[in-house]
N, C-alpha and C. Protein backbone atom coordinates (compact mmCIF):
# COMPACT_ATOMS: atom_id res chain seq x y z
N MET A 1 -1.14 5.94 -60.49
CA MET A 1 -0.11 5.65 -59.49
C MET A 1 -0.31 6.47 -58.23
N LYS A 2 -0.81 7.73 -58.37
CA LYS A 2 -1.05 8.58 -57.20
C LYS A 2 -2.06 7.94 -56.28
N ASN A 3 -3.09 7.30 -56.84
CA ASN A 3 -4.12 6.70 -56.01
C ASN A 3 -3.58 5.53 -55.18
N LEU A 4 -2.54 4.86 -55.67
CA LEU A 4 -1.96 3.74 -54.94
C LEU A 4 -0.95 4.21 -53.90
N ALA A 5 -0.23 5.31 -54.17
CA ALA A 5 0.82 5.79 -53.27
C ALA A 5 0.23 6.28 -51.95
N PHE A 6 -0.88 7.02 -51.97
CA PHE A 6 -1.45 7.57 -50.72
C PHE A 6 -1.90 6.48 -49.75
N PRO A 7 -2.65 5.46 -50.22
CA PRO A 7 -3.02 4.41 -49.27
C PRO A 7 -1.81 3.72 -48.65
N ALA A 8 -0.78 3.46 -49.42
CA ALA A 8 0.40 2.79 -48.89
C ALA A 8 1.05 3.63 -47.80
N PHE A 9 1.16 4.94 -48.04
CA PHE A 9 1.75 5.84 -47.05
C PHE A 9 0.88 5.89 -45.79
N PHE A 10 -0.43 5.94 -46.01
CA PHE A 10 -1.37 6.01 -44.89
C PHE A 10 -1.27 4.77 -44.01
N VAL A 11 -1.16 3.59 -44.64
CA VAL A 11 -1.02 2.33 -43.90
C VAL A 11 0.28 2.34 -43.09
N ALA A 12 1.35 2.87 -43.66
CA ALA A 12 2.63 2.90 -42.96
C ALA A 12 2.56 3.78 -41.72
N VAL A 13 1.85 4.93 -41.84
CA VAL A 13 1.70 5.82 -40.70
C VAL A 13 0.90 5.15 -39.60
N LEU A 14 -0.20 4.49 -39.99
CA LEU A 14 -1.02 3.79 -39.00
C LEU A 14 -0.22 2.71 -38.29
N PHE A 15 0.60 2.00 -39.03
CA PHE A 15 1.41 0.93 -38.42
C PHE A 15 2.39 1.51 -37.41
N ALA A 16 3.01 2.65 -37.76
CA ALA A 16 3.97 3.27 -36.85
C ALA A 16 3.31 3.72 -35.57
N LEU A 17 2.08 4.27 -35.68
CA LEU A 17 1.36 4.73 -34.50
C LEU A 17 0.93 3.56 -33.61
N ALA A 18 0.56 2.46 -34.25
CA ALA A 18 0.07 1.31 -33.50
C ALA A 18 1.19 0.52 -32.84
N CYS A 19 2.43 0.67 -33.33
CA CYS A 19 3.56 -0.10 -32.82
C CYS A 19 4.67 0.83 -32.39
N PRO A 20 4.54 1.51 -31.24
CA PRO A 20 5.56 2.44 -30.79
C PRO A 20 6.89 1.74 -30.55
N GLY A 21 7.94 2.48 -30.78
CA GLY A 21 9.28 1.95 -30.61
C GLY A 21 9.64 1.79 -29.15
N PRO A 22 10.83 1.25 -28.87
CA PRO A 22 11.23 0.98 -27.50
C PRO A 22 11.37 2.22 -26.65
N GLY A 23 11.52 3.40 -27.26
CA GLY A 23 11.65 4.62 -26.48
C GLY A 23 10.33 5.28 -26.17
N SER A 24 9.24 4.68 -26.57
CA SER A 24 7.93 5.29 -26.36
C SER A 24 7.53 5.27 -24.91
N SER A 25 6.71 6.26 -24.50
CA SER A 25 6.22 6.32 -23.12
C SER A 25 4.94 5.54 -22.93
N VAL A 26 4.40 4.97 -23.99
CA VAL A 26 3.18 4.18 -23.88
C VAL A 26 3.48 2.91 -23.09
N ARG A 27 2.63 2.58 -22.10
CA ARG A 27 2.87 1.41 -21.27
C ARG A 27 1.64 0.53 -21.24
N ALA A 28 1.80 -0.74 -21.56
CA ALA A 28 0.67 -1.66 -21.51
C ALA A 28 0.31 -1.92 -20.05
N ASP A 29 -0.96 -2.28 -19.81
CA ASP A 29 -1.45 -2.47 -18.45
C ASP A 29 -0.70 -3.57 -17.70
N ASP A 30 -0.17 -4.57 -18.46
CA ASP A 30 0.47 -5.68 -17.77
C ASP A 30 1.97 -5.49 -17.60
N GLU A 31 2.49 -4.33 -17.98
CA GLU A 31 3.91 -4.07 -17.79
C GLU A 31 4.17 -3.58 -16.37
N ALA A 32 5.41 -3.74 -15.91
CA ALA A 32 5.77 -3.29 -14.57
C ALA A 32 5.62 -1.78 -14.48
N PRO A 33 5.19 -1.25 -13.33
CA PRO A 33 5.01 0.19 -13.20
C PRO A 33 6.34 0.91 -13.19
N ALA A 34 6.32 2.17 -13.59
CA ALA A 34 7.52 3.00 -13.54
C ALA A 34 7.85 3.28 -12.08
N ASP A 35 9.11 3.66 -11.82
CA ASP A 35 9.54 3.93 -10.46
C ASP A 35 8.68 4.99 -9.80
N ASP A 36 8.27 6.01 -10.56
CA ASP A 36 7.47 7.09 -9.98
C ASP A 36 6.14 6.57 -9.43
N ASP A 37 5.64 5.48 -9.96
CA ASP A 37 4.38 4.92 -9.48
C ASP A 37 4.52 4.31 -8.09
N LEU A 38 5.75 4.08 -7.65
CA LEU A 38 5.98 3.46 -6.35
C LEU A 38 6.27 4.49 -5.26
N ASN A 39 6.59 5.71 -5.64
CA ASN A 39 6.95 6.74 -4.67
C ASN A 39 5.72 7.42 -4.10
N PHE A 40 5.73 7.67 -2.81
CA PHE A 40 4.64 8.43 -2.20
C PHE A 40 5.18 9.23 -1.02
N ASP A 41 4.37 10.15 -0.52
CA ASP A 41 4.86 11.06 0.50
C ASP A 41 3.92 11.12 1.71
N LEU A 42 4.46 11.65 2.80
CA LEU A 42 3.70 11.92 4.02
C LEU A 42 3.94 13.37 4.43
N ALA A 43 3.07 13.86 5.30
CA ALA A 43 3.27 15.18 5.92
C ALA A 43 3.48 16.27 4.88
N ASP A 44 2.52 16.36 3.96
CA ASP A 44 2.54 17.41 2.93
C ASP A 44 3.83 17.41 2.11
N GLY A 45 4.33 16.22 1.85
CA GLY A 45 5.50 16.09 0.97
C GLY A 45 6.84 16.21 1.66
N ARG A 46 6.86 16.35 2.98
CA ARG A 46 8.14 16.50 3.69
C ARG A 46 8.86 15.18 3.88
N LEU A 47 8.11 14.07 3.86
CA LEU A 47 8.71 12.75 4.03
C LEU A 47 8.39 11.87 2.83
N LEU A 48 9.36 11.09 2.40
CA LEU A 48 9.20 10.29 1.19
C LEU A 48 9.44 8.82 1.47
N LEU A 49 8.66 7.97 0.82
CA LEU A 49 8.85 6.52 0.86
C LEU A 49 8.69 5.96 -0.54
N ALA A 50 9.13 4.72 -0.71
CA ALA A 50 8.95 4.03 -1.99
C ALA A 50 8.43 2.63 -1.73
N ALA A 51 7.29 2.30 -2.31
CA ALA A 51 6.72 0.96 -2.16
C ALA A 51 7.61 -0.06 -2.86
N PRO A 52 7.59 -1.31 -2.43
CA PRO A 52 8.42 -2.35 -3.04
C PRO A 52 8.09 -2.56 -4.52
N ASP A 53 9.09 -3.02 -5.24
CA ASP A 53 8.89 -3.36 -6.65
C ASP A 53 7.78 -4.40 -6.78
N GLY A 54 6.96 -4.24 -7.80
CA GLY A 54 5.88 -5.19 -8.06
C GLY A 54 4.56 -4.80 -7.44
N TRP A 55 4.58 -3.87 -6.49
CA TRP A 55 3.32 -3.38 -5.93
C TRP A 55 2.69 -2.42 -6.92
N LEU A 56 1.39 -2.37 -6.93
CA LEU A 56 0.67 -1.61 -7.94
C LEU A 56 -0.13 -0.48 -7.29
N ARG A 57 0.15 0.74 -7.71
CA ARG A 57 -0.61 1.87 -7.18
C ARG A 57 -2.05 1.81 -7.68
N LYS A 58 -2.99 2.04 -6.77
CA LYS A 58 -4.40 2.01 -7.11
C LYS A 58 -5.04 3.35 -6.74
N LYS A 59 -6.17 3.64 -7.37
CA LYS A 59 -6.94 4.80 -6.97
C LYS A 59 -7.51 4.54 -5.57
N PRO A 60 -7.28 5.46 -4.62
CA PRO A 60 -7.80 5.22 -3.26
C PRO A 60 -9.30 4.95 -3.26
N ALA A 61 -9.72 4.05 -2.37
CA ALA A 61 -11.12 3.64 -2.32
C ALA A 61 -12.04 4.76 -1.84
N ASN A 62 -11.48 5.73 -1.11
CA ASN A 62 -12.27 6.87 -0.66
C ASN A 62 -11.36 8.07 -0.46
N ASN A 63 -11.94 9.22 -0.15
CA ASN A 63 -11.13 10.43 -0.07
C ASN A 63 -10.40 10.59 1.26
N ILE A 64 -10.57 9.64 2.18
CA ILE A 64 -9.81 9.66 3.42
C ILE A 64 -8.43 9.05 3.21
N ILE A 65 -8.37 8.06 2.32
CA ILE A 65 -7.11 7.38 2.01
C ILE A 65 -6.27 8.25 1.07
N GLU A 66 -5.03 8.49 1.44
CA GLU A 66 -4.16 9.33 0.62
C GLU A 66 -3.43 8.54 -0.46
N HIS A 67 -3.01 7.33 -0.13
CA HIS A 67 -2.31 6.47 -1.09
C HIS A 67 -2.79 5.04 -0.89
N GLU A 68 -2.85 4.29 -1.98
CA GLU A 68 -3.27 2.89 -1.89
C GLU A 68 -2.49 2.06 -2.89
N PHE A 69 -2.08 0.86 -2.47
CA PHE A 69 -1.34 -0.07 -3.33
C PHE A 69 -1.94 -1.47 -3.22
N GLN A 70 -1.92 -2.18 -4.33
CA GLN A 70 -2.29 -3.59 -4.35
C GLN A 70 -1.00 -4.42 -4.29
N VAL A 71 -1.00 -5.41 -3.41
CA VAL A 71 0.19 -6.24 -3.21
C VAL A 71 -0.05 -7.61 -3.83
N PRO A 72 0.83 -8.08 -4.71
CA PRO A 72 0.59 -9.35 -5.42
C PRO A 72 0.34 -10.51 -4.48
N ALA A 73 -0.67 -11.30 -4.81
CA ALA A 73 -1.01 -12.48 -4.01
C ALA A 73 0.05 -13.57 -4.17
N SER A 74 0.32 -14.26 -3.09
CA SER A 74 1.22 -15.41 -3.15
C SER A 74 0.50 -16.60 -3.76
N GLU A 75 1.28 -17.58 -4.21
CA GLU A 75 0.69 -18.78 -4.80
C GLU A 75 -0.24 -19.46 -3.79
N GLY A 76 -1.45 -19.76 -4.22
CA GLY A 76 -2.43 -20.39 -3.36
C GLY A 76 -3.39 -19.42 -2.70
N ASP A 77 -3.04 -18.14 -2.68
CA ASP A 77 -3.94 -17.13 -2.11
C ASP A 77 -4.85 -16.57 -3.20
N GLU A 78 -6.14 -16.50 -2.90
CA GLU A 78 -7.11 -16.06 -3.91
C GLU A 78 -7.21 -14.54 -4.01
N ARG A 79 -6.78 -13.84 -2.98
CA ARG A 79 -6.91 -12.38 -2.97
C ARG A 79 -5.54 -11.73 -2.78
N PRO A 80 -5.33 -10.56 -3.41
CA PRO A 80 -4.08 -9.84 -3.18
C PRO A 80 -4.10 -9.12 -1.84
N GLY A 81 -2.97 -8.63 -1.43
CA GLY A 81 -2.91 -7.78 -0.25
C GLY A 81 -3.25 -6.34 -0.62
N ARG A 82 -3.44 -5.53 0.40
CA ARG A 82 -3.80 -4.13 0.18
C ARG A 82 -3.05 -3.27 1.20
N MET A 83 -2.41 -2.21 0.72
CA MET A 83 -1.78 -1.26 1.62
C MET A 83 -2.42 0.11 1.43
N THR A 84 -2.82 0.73 2.53
CA THR A 84 -3.40 2.07 2.49
C THR A 84 -2.58 2.98 3.40
N VAL A 85 -2.59 4.26 3.05
CA VAL A 85 -1.88 5.28 3.83
C VAL A 85 -2.84 6.43 4.07
N MET A 86 -2.96 6.85 5.32
CA MET A 86 -3.86 7.96 5.65
C MET A 86 -3.42 8.61 6.95
N SER A 87 -3.85 9.85 7.15
CA SER A 87 -3.66 10.50 8.44
C SER A 87 -4.96 10.36 9.22
N ALA A 88 -4.86 10.43 10.55
CA ALA A 88 -6.06 10.28 11.38
C ALA A 88 -5.81 10.91 12.73
N GLY A 89 -6.89 11.37 13.35
CA GLY A 89 -6.80 11.91 14.68
C GLY A 89 -6.81 10.80 15.72
N GLY A 90 -6.83 11.19 16.99
CA GLY A 90 -6.82 10.21 18.06
C GLY A 90 -5.41 9.79 18.41
N THR A 91 -5.29 9.12 19.54
CA THR A 91 -3.98 8.68 19.99
C THR A 91 -3.52 7.45 19.22
N ILE A 92 -2.22 7.20 19.29
CA ILE A 92 -1.68 6.00 18.66
C ILE A 92 -2.31 4.76 19.29
N GLY A 93 -2.42 4.75 20.61
CA GLY A 93 -3.01 3.60 21.30
C GLY A 93 -4.43 3.32 20.87
N ALA A 94 -5.23 4.37 20.72
CA ALA A 94 -6.63 4.20 20.32
C ALA A 94 -6.72 3.61 18.92
N ASN A 95 -5.84 4.03 18.03
CA ASN A 95 -5.88 3.52 16.66
C ASN A 95 -5.34 2.09 16.58
N VAL A 96 -4.37 1.76 17.41
CA VAL A 96 -3.91 0.37 17.48
C VAL A 96 -5.05 -0.52 17.97
N ASP A 97 -5.77 -0.06 18.97
CA ASP A 97 -6.91 -0.83 19.48
C ASP A 97 -7.98 -1.01 18.41
N ARG A 98 -8.14 -0.01 17.57
CA ARG A 98 -9.12 -0.11 16.47
C ARG A 98 -8.71 -1.22 15.51
N TRP A 99 -7.43 -1.27 15.17
CA TRP A 99 -6.93 -2.34 14.30
C TRP A 99 -7.12 -3.70 14.96
N ILE A 100 -6.78 -3.79 16.23
CA ILE A 100 -6.93 -5.05 16.95
C ILE A 100 -8.39 -5.49 16.94
N GLY A 101 -9.31 -4.53 17.08
CA GLY A 101 -10.73 -4.84 17.09
C GLY A 101 -11.27 -5.36 15.78
N GLN A 102 -10.47 -5.25 14.70
CA GLN A 102 -10.89 -5.77 13.40
C GLN A 102 -10.56 -7.26 13.25
N PHE A 103 -9.91 -7.83 14.27
CA PHE A 103 -9.52 -9.24 14.22
C PHE A 103 -10.15 -10.01 15.37
N SER A 104 -10.43 -11.28 15.13
CA SER A 104 -10.85 -12.21 16.18
C SER A 104 -10.04 -13.48 16.01
N GLN A 105 -10.01 -14.31 17.07
CA GLN A 105 -9.24 -15.54 17.05
C GLN A 105 -10.16 -16.75 16.96
N PRO A 106 -9.85 -17.72 16.11
CA PRO A 106 -10.71 -18.90 15.95
C PRO A 106 -10.95 -19.64 17.27
N ASP A 107 -9.97 -19.59 18.18
CA ASP A 107 -10.12 -20.31 19.45
C ASP A 107 -10.72 -19.44 20.55
N GLY A 108 -11.12 -18.21 20.18
CA GLY A 108 -11.74 -17.32 21.15
C GLY A 108 -10.78 -16.60 22.08
N SER A 109 -9.49 -16.77 21.86
CA SER A 109 -8.50 -16.12 22.72
C SER A 109 -8.40 -14.63 22.38
N SER A 110 -7.62 -13.91 23.16
CA SER A 110 -7.50 -12.46 23.01
C SER A 110 -6.56 -12.09 21.87
N THR A 111 -7.07 -11.32 20.92
CA THR A 111 -6.23 -10.82 19.83
C THR A 111 -5.18 -9.86 20.38
N LYS A 112 -5.57 -9.04 21.33
CA LYS A 112 -4.64 -8.05 21.89
C LYS A 112 -3.43 -8.73 22.51
N ASP A 113 -3.65 -9.85 23.18
CA ASP A 113 -2.54 -10.56 23.82
C ASP A 113 -1.56 -11.13 22.79
N LYS A 114 -2.04 -11.36 21.57
CA LYS A 114 -1.20 -11.97 20.53
C LYS A 114 -0.60 -10.93 19.58
N THR A 115 -1.00 -9.67 19.76
CA THR A 115 -0.50 -8.60 18.89
C THR A 115 0.94 -8.23 19.26
N LYS A 116 1.78 -8.10 18.24
CA LYS A 116 3.18 -7.73 18.45
C LYS A 116 3.38 -6.25 18.13
N GLN A 117 4.20 -5.59 18.92
CA GLN A 117 4.51 -4.18 18.70
C GLN A 117 6.01 -3.96 18.86
N GLU A 118 6.53 -3.03 18.07
CA GLU A 118 7.91 -2.60 18.24
C GLU A 118 8.04 -1.15 17.76
N LYS A 119 9.12 -0.52 18.15
CA LYS A 119 9.36 0.88 17.80
C LYS A 119 10.59 1.00 16.91
N LEU A 120 10.52 1.91 15.96
CA LEU A 120 11.66 2.25 15.13
C LEU A 120 11.84 3.77 15.14
N SER A 121 13.06 4.21 14.94
CA SER A 121 13.31 5.63 14.73
C SER A 121 14.04 5.76 13.40
N VAL A 122 13.39 6.43 12.45
CA VAL A 122 13.95 6.56 11.11
C VAL A 122 13.83 8.01 10.66
N ALA A 123 14.92 8.58 10.20
CA ALA A 123 14.93 9.96 9.69
C ALA A 123 14.33 10.94 10.69
N GLY A 124 14.57 10.70 11.97
CA GLY A 124 14.06 11.59 13.00
C GLY A 124 12.59 11.42 13.32
N GLN A 125 11.96 10.37 12.77
CA GLN A 125 10.55 10.11 13.00
C GLN A 125 10.39 8.81 13.79
N GLU A 126 9.43 8.80 14.71
CA GLU A 126 9.17 7.58 15.48
C GLU A 126 8.09 6.75 14.79
N ILE A 127 8.36 5.47 14.59
CA ILE A 127 7.43 4.57 13.91
C ILE A 127 7.05 3.44 14.87
N THR A 128 5.76 3.25 15.05
CA THR A 128 5.25 2.12 15.83
C THR A 128 4.81 1.03 14.87
N LEU A 129 5.40 -0.15 14.97
CA LEU A 129 5.06 -1.28 14.10
C LEU A 129 4.10 -2.22 14.82
N ILE A 130 3.07 -2.67 14.10
CA ILE A 130 2.04 -3.55 14.64
C ILE A 130 1.94 -4.79 13.76
N ASP A 131 1.78 -5.96 14.39
CA ASP A 131 1.64 -7.23 13.66
C ASP A 131 0.48 -8.00 14.30
N ILE A 132 -0.61 -8.19 13.52
CA ILE A 132 -1.82 -8.84 14.03
C ILE A 132 -2.22 -9.96 13.08
N SER A 133 -2.62 -11.09 13.62
CA SER A 133 -3.10 -12.21 12.80
C SER A 133 -4.42 -12.73 13.35
N GLY A 134 -5.19 -13.40 12.48
CA GLY A 134 -6.45 -13.98 12.91
C GLY A 134 -7.50 -13.90 11.81
N THR A 135 -8.76 -13.84 12.20
CA THR A 135 -9.87 -13.68 11.26
C THR A 135 -10.18 -12.19 11.17
N TYR A 136 -10.11 -11.67 9.97
CA TYR A 136 -10.21 -10.23 9.73
C TYR A 136 -11.63 -9.85 9.33
N ASP A 137 -12.17 -8.82 9.99
CA ASP A 137 -13.47 -8.26 9.62
C ASP A 137 -13.19 -7.20 8.56
N ASP A 138 -13.45 -7.55 7.31
CA ASP A 138 -13.02 -6.73 6.18
C ASP A 138 -13.91 -5.52 5.92
N ARG A 139 -15.03 -5.42 6.63
CA ARG A 139 -15.89 -4.26 6.44
C ARG A 139 -16.40 -3.77 7.78
N PRO A 140 -16.28 -2.46 8.06
CA PRO A 140 -16.76 -1.94 9.34
C PRO A 140 -18.27 -1.97 9.43
N PRO A 141 -18.83 -1.88 10.63
CA PRO A 141 -20.29 -1.90 10.80
C PRO A 141 -21.00 -0.82 9.99
N ALA A 142 -20.37 0.34 9.85
CA ALA A 142 -21.00 1.44 9.10
C ALA A 142 -21.20 1.09 7.63
N ALA A 143 -20.41 0.13 7.12
CA ALA A 143 -20.53 -0.27 5.72
C ALA A 143 -21.32 -1.56 5.57
N GLY A 144 -22.03 -1.95 6.61
CA GLY A 144 -22.81 -3.18 6.53
C GLY A 144 -22.16 -4.32 7.27
N GLY A 145 -20.84 -4.20 7.55
CA GLY A 145 -20.12 -5.17 8.36
C GLY A 145 -20.09 -6.57 7.80
N GLY A 146 -19.38 -7.41 8.52
CA GLY A 146 -19.55 -8.84 8.37
C GLY A 146 -18.87 -9.60 7.30
N VAL A 147 -17.83 -9.06 6.60
CA VAL A 147 -17.08 -9.89 5.66
C VAL A 147 -15.89 -10.46 6.42
N LYS A 148 -15.97 -11.70 6.86
CA LYS A 148 -14.93 -12.32 7.67
C LYS A 148 -13.94 -13.06 6.78
N ARG A 149 -12.66 -12.77 6.96
CA ARG A 149 -11.63 -13.42 6.16
C ARG A 149 -10.68 -14.16 7.11
N GLU A 150 -10.73 -15.47 7.04
CA GLU A 150 -9.91 -16.30 7.93
C GLU A 150 -8.45 -16.31 7.48
N ASN A 151 -7.57 -16.54 8.45
CA ASN A 151 -6.14 -16.66 8.19
C ASN A 151 -5.59 -15.42 7.49
N TYR A 152 -5.89 -14.28 8.08
CA TYR A 152 -5.41 -13.00 7.56
C TYR A 152 -4.38 -12.41 8.52
N ARG A 153 -3.65 -11.44 8.02
CA ARG A 153 -2.62 -10.79 8.84
C ARG A 153 -2.54 -9.32 8.48
N LEU A 154 -2.25 -8.51 9.46
CA LEU A 154 -2.09 -7.06 9.26
C LEU A 154 -0.72 -6.65 9.77
N LEU A 155 0.03 -5.97 8.90
CA LEU A 155 1.23 -5.27 9.31
C LEU A 155 0.92 -3.78 9.24
N GLY A 156 1.06 -3.11 10.35
CA GLY A 156 0.74 -1.69 10.38
C GLY A 156 1.91 -0.88 10.88
N ALA A 157 1.99 0.36 10.42
CA ALA A 157 3.02 1.29 10.88
C ALA A 157 2.36 2.63 11.14
N ILE A 158 2.60 3.17 12.31
CA ILE A 158 2.10 4.50 12.64
C ILE A 158 3.31 5.42 12.72
N VAL A 159 3.36 6.37 11.82
CA VAL A 159 4.49 7.29 11.74
C VAL A 159 4.09 8.59 12.43
N ALA A 160 4.72 8.86 13.56
CA ALA A 160 4.46 10.11 14.30
C ALA A 160 5.40 11.16 13.73
N THR A 161 4.90 11.97 12.80
CA THR A 161 5.77 12.89 12.07
C THR A 161 6.09 14.13 12.89
N LYS A 162 7.32 14.61 12.69
CA LYS A 162 7.78 15.82 13.38
C LYS A 162 8.49 16.73 12.40
N ASP A 163 8.35 18.01 12.63
CA ASP A 163 9.12 19.03 11.91
C ASP A 163 9.93 19.73 12.98
N GLY A 164 11.18 19.31 13.14
CA GLY A 164 11.95 19.75 14.29
C GLY A 164 11.37 19.07 15.52
N LYS A 165 10.97 19.86 16.51
CA LYS A 165 10.37 19.30 17.72
C LYS A 165 8.85 19.32 17.67
N LYS A 166 8.31 19.91 16.62
CA LYS A 166 6.86 20.05 16.52
C LYS A 166 6.23 18.80 15.91
N ASN A 167 5.22 18.24 16.59
CA ASN A 167 4.49 17.09 16.05
C ASN A 167 3.56 17.58 14.95
N THR A 168 3.67 16.97 13.78
CA THR A 168 2.86 17.40 12.63
C THR A 168 1.83 16.36 12.21
N GLY A 169 1.52 15.42 13.11
CA GLY A 169 0.44 14.48 12.81
C GLY A 169 0.91 13.05 12.68
N ASN A 170 -0.03 12.14 12.87
CA ASN A 170 0.25 10.71 12.75
C ASN A 170 -0.27 10.18 11.42
N TYR A 171 0.53 9.34 10.78
CA TYR A 171 0.16 8.72 9.51
C TYR A 171 0.13 7.21 9.69
N TYR A 172 -0.91 6.59 9.13
CA TYR A 172 -1.19 5.18 9.35
C TYR A 172 -0.99 4.41 8.05
N VAL A 173 -0.03 3.50 8.07
CA VAL A 173 0.29 2.66 6.92
C VAL A 173 -0.19 1.25 7.26
N LYS A 174 -1.20 0.79 6.57
CA LYS A 174 -1.87 -0.47 6.91
C LYS A 174 -1.77 -1.45 5.73
N PHE A 175 -1.07 -2.55 5.97
CA PHE A 175 -0.91 -3.60 4.96
C PHE A 175 -1.63 -4.84 5.47
N VAL A 176 -2.69 -5.25 4.79
CA VAL A 176 -3.48 -6.39 5.24
C VAL A 176 -3.75 -7.33 4.07
N GLY A 177 -3.81 -8.63 4.37
CA GLY A 177 -4.07 -9.60 3.32
C GLY A 177 -3.96 -11.01 3.85
N PRO A 178 -4.09 -12.01 2.98
CA PRO A 178 -3.91 -13.41 3.40
C PRO A 178 -2.54 -13.59 4.06
N SER A 179 -2.48 -14.45 5.05
CA SER A 179 -1.26 -14.58 5.86
C SER A 179 -0.02 -14.86 5.03
N GLN A 180 -0.12 -15.76 4.05
CA GLN A 180 1.07 -16.10 3.27
C GLN A 180 1.52 -14.91 2.42
N THR A 181 0.57 -14.20 1.84
CA THR A 181 0.91 -13.02 1.04
C THR A 181 1.61 -11.98 1.90
N VAL A 182 1.09 -11.74 3.09
CA VAL A 182 1.71 -10.76 3.98
C VAL A 182 3.10 -11.23 4.40
N GLU A 183 3.22 -12.51 4.72
CA GLU A 183 4.53 -13.05 5.11
C GLU A 183 5.56 -12.87 4.00
N ASP A 184 5.15 -13.15 2.76
CA ASP A 184 6.08 -13.07 1.64
C ASP A 184 6.50 -11.64 1.34
N HIS A 185 5.70 -10.67 1.75
CA HIS A 185 6.02 -9.26 1.47
C HIS A 185 6.40 -8.49 2.74
N ALA A 186 6.51 -9.18 3.86
CA ALA A 186 6.79 -8.50 5.12
C ALA A 186 8.14 -7.80 5.10
N GLU A 187 9.15 -8.45 4.54
CA GLU A 187 10.48 -7.86 4.51
C GLU A 187 10.49 -6.59 3.66
N GLY A 188 9.78 -6.65 2.52
CA GLY A 188 9.70 -5.46 1.66
C GLY A 188 8.98 -4.31 2.34
N PHE A 189 7.94 -4.64 3.12
CA PHE A 189 7.19 -3.62 3.86
C PHE A 189 8.10 -2.92 4.87
N LYS A 190 8.87 -3.71 5.64
CA LYS A 190 9.76 -3.13 6.64
C LYS A 190 10.90 -2.35 5.99
N LYS A 191 11.41 -2.87 4.88
CA LYS A 191 12.47 -2.16 4.16
C LYS A 191 11.96 -0.81 3.67
N MET A 192 10.72 -0.77 3.21
CA MET A 192 10.11 0.49 2.77
C MET A 192 10.12 1.51 3.89
N LEU A 193 9.71 1.07 5.09
CA LEU A 193 9.64 1.98 6.23
C LEU A 193 11.03 2.44 6.67
N LYS A 194 12.00 1.53 6.64
CA LYS A 194 13.35 1.90 7.02
C LYS A 194 14.01 2.82 6.00
N GLY A 195 13.41 2.88 4.81
CA GLY A 195 13.91 3.78 3.77
C GLY A 195 13.27 5.16 3.80
N LEU A 196 12.44 5.41 4.80
CA LEU A 196 11.82 6.74 4.95
C LEU A 196 12.89 7.82 4.98
N LYS A 197 12.67 8.90 4.23
CA LYS A 197 13.67 9.97 4.21
C LYS A 197 12.98 11.32 4.06
N ALA A 198 13.68 12.35 4.47
CA ALA A 198 13.17 13.71 4.33
C ALA A 198 13.36 14.19 2.91
N ALA A 199 12.37 14.92 2.41
CA ALA A 199 12.48 15.48 1.06
C ALA A 199 13.58 16.53 1.05
N LYS A 200 14.25 16.62 -0.06
CA LYS A 200 15.35 17.61 -0.18
C LYS A 200 14.77 19.00 -0.41
């Protein structure tokens, strides 16, 4: 009887380990991310934001990018959207021009003339919002260049961070993807920015 009791107990233990209860912290890859997976910071943790529900935190593609999220593709779009967050030198205008330079227009018209800009002030920080559409050059010349993606759109936010009156750097939030995907998530992107707050 002893020889039969041990295997039965062993099987029960294995079953319990393989099937965690509802209170377990184990999360399957296809489950929704925890709230903490959506939170990120700027300016060395002094400013906090939360990405929209359903966005997926990804490992940044390089060490220049501080935070990266994958944005679910809309029906009919073959690729998801991508949001990256990074700090960078240079003026706001120069970086906006860099973003504009990543787009061209099918009819040969000026992308700059079609680019929309607006300003927000949130939690004492000035945010420049950028909206660009057209054919997107998905890879810079330094990376071999030349991946053209038609009917793409970029929503960008440049957060000019301040600590009191002192400027503590500009942070670039870039959301780019197929036009319909960006359109469907545009409200969530703006809501995220308007929810910017100072860390306690």
